[in-house]
Amino acid sequence: MLVRYRWAVLGLVLLLVAVAFVGFRAGRSRVATEEVRCLALQAQIGCTLNDGWDVSVPLDVSWTDSNGAFHESGRPDWVGC
């Protein structure tokens, strides 16, 4: 009976790992990019999305440039201030 219990636990652990992996992959593939218009001031950055929503961008943010290089902090170069 102990062997059957171990197989059940192993199967459950493998199932949980598979579900977590599938969820992670699905979440990563839903990243969308779009070109937006932004206004950058000394103390704030505001952008208007294509659907009309206005959003603010933190002044110190992690970001990836158009060449794929990751920047851990700082202001993106495209803000112009």
Protein backbone atom coordinates (compact mmCIF):
# COMPACT_ATOMS: atom_id res chain seq x y z
CA MET A 1 0.00 0.00 0.00
CA LEU A 2 2.88 2.36 0.70
CA VAL A 3 4.14 1.92 -2.89
CA ARG A 4 0.72 2.88 -4.29
CA TYR A 5 0.67 5.98 -2.04
CA ARG A 6 4.12 7.05 -3.28
CA TRP A 7 3.01 6.71 -6.92
CA ALA A 8 -0.11 8.77 -6.21
CA VAL A 9 1.97 11.53 -4.57
CA LEU A 10 4.51 11.45 -7.40
CA GLY A 11 1.71 11.67 -9.97
CA LEU A 12 0.13 14.60 -8.15
CA VAL A 13 3.45 16.45 -7.93
CA LEU A 14 4.14 15.89 -11.63
CA LEU A 15 0.65 17.10 -12.49
CA LEU A 16 1.12 20.26 -10.43
CA VAL A 17 4.49 20.95 -12.06
CA ALA A 18 2.96 20.47 -15.54
CA VAL A 19 0.04 22.79 -14.74
CA ALA A 20 2.41 25.44 -13.36
CA PHE A 21 4.59 25.20 -16.48
CA VAL A 22 1.62 25.52 -18.83
CA GLY A 23 0.30 28.50 -16.87
CA PHE A 24 3.69 30.19 -16.94
CA ARG A 25 4.06 29.70 -20.69
CA ALA A 26 0.53 30.95 -21.36
CA GLY A 27 1.13 34.06 -19.28
CA ARG A 28 4.42 34.87 -20.99
CA SER A 29 2.96 34.58 -24.48
CA ARG A 30 0.27 37.21 -23.82
CA VAL A 31 2.58 40.20 -23.74
CA ALA A 32 1.43 42.82 -26.24
CA THR A 33 3.24 45.87 -27.52
CA GLU A 34 1.88 48.92 -29.26
CA GLU A 35 3.16 52.32 -30.26
CA VAL A 36 1.69 55.10 -28.15
CA ARG A 37 1.97 58.86 -27.76
CA CYS A 38 3.56 60.09 -24.54
CA LEU A 39 4.20 63.40 -22.85
CA ALA A 40 7.28 63.46 -20.65
CA LEU A 41 7.76 66.14 -18.03
CA GLN A 42 10.41 66.46 -15.35
CA ALA A 43 8.23 64.84 -12.66
CA GLN A 44 5.90 62.54 -14.64
CA ILE A 45 5.32 60.61 -17.86
CA GLY A 46 1.81 60.23 -19.32
CA CYS A 47 0.81 58.16 -22.34
CA THR A 48 -2.40 57.81 -24.36
CA LEU A 49 -3.01 54.29 -25.65
CA ASN A 50 -4.61 53.55 -29.02
CA ASP A 51 -7.92 52.67 -27.34
CA GLY A 52 -8.08 56.11 -25.69
CA TRP A 53 -6.97 55.15 -22.18
CA ASP A 54 -4.53 57.53 -20.47
CA VAL A 55 -1.86 55.87 -18.33
CA SER A 56 1.11 57.08 -16.31
CA VAL A 57 4.58 55.55 -16.46
CA PRO A 58 6.76 55.38 -13.33
CA LEU A 59 9.89 57.52 -13.55
CA ASP A 60 12.17 54.63 -12.55
CA VAL A 61 11.05 51.50 -14.41
CA SER A 62 12.52 48.25 -15.75
CA TRP A 63 12.23 48.14 -19.53
CA THR A 64 13.44 46.41 -22.70
CA ASP A 65 14.59 48.52 -25.64
CA SER A 66 13.89 47.82 -29.33
CA ASN A 67 17.15 45.85 -29.62
CA GLY A 68 16.04 43.46 -26.87
CA ALA A 69 18.44 44.80 -24.22
CA PHE A 70 16.97 44.76 -20.71
CA HIS A 71 17.43 47.84 -18.50
CA GLU A 72 16.82 47.19 -14.80
CA SER A 73 16.03 50.77 -13.88
CA GLY A 74 16.17 54.33 -15.11
CA ARG A 75 14.21 56.38 -17.55
CA PRO A 76 13.73 55.00 -21.07
CA ASP A 77 15.64 56.96 -23.71
CA TRP A 78 12.49 57.48 -25.78
CA VAL A 79 10.89 59.77 -23.22
CA GLY A 80 13.11 62.63 -24.26
CA CYS A 81 13.67 64.35 -20.89
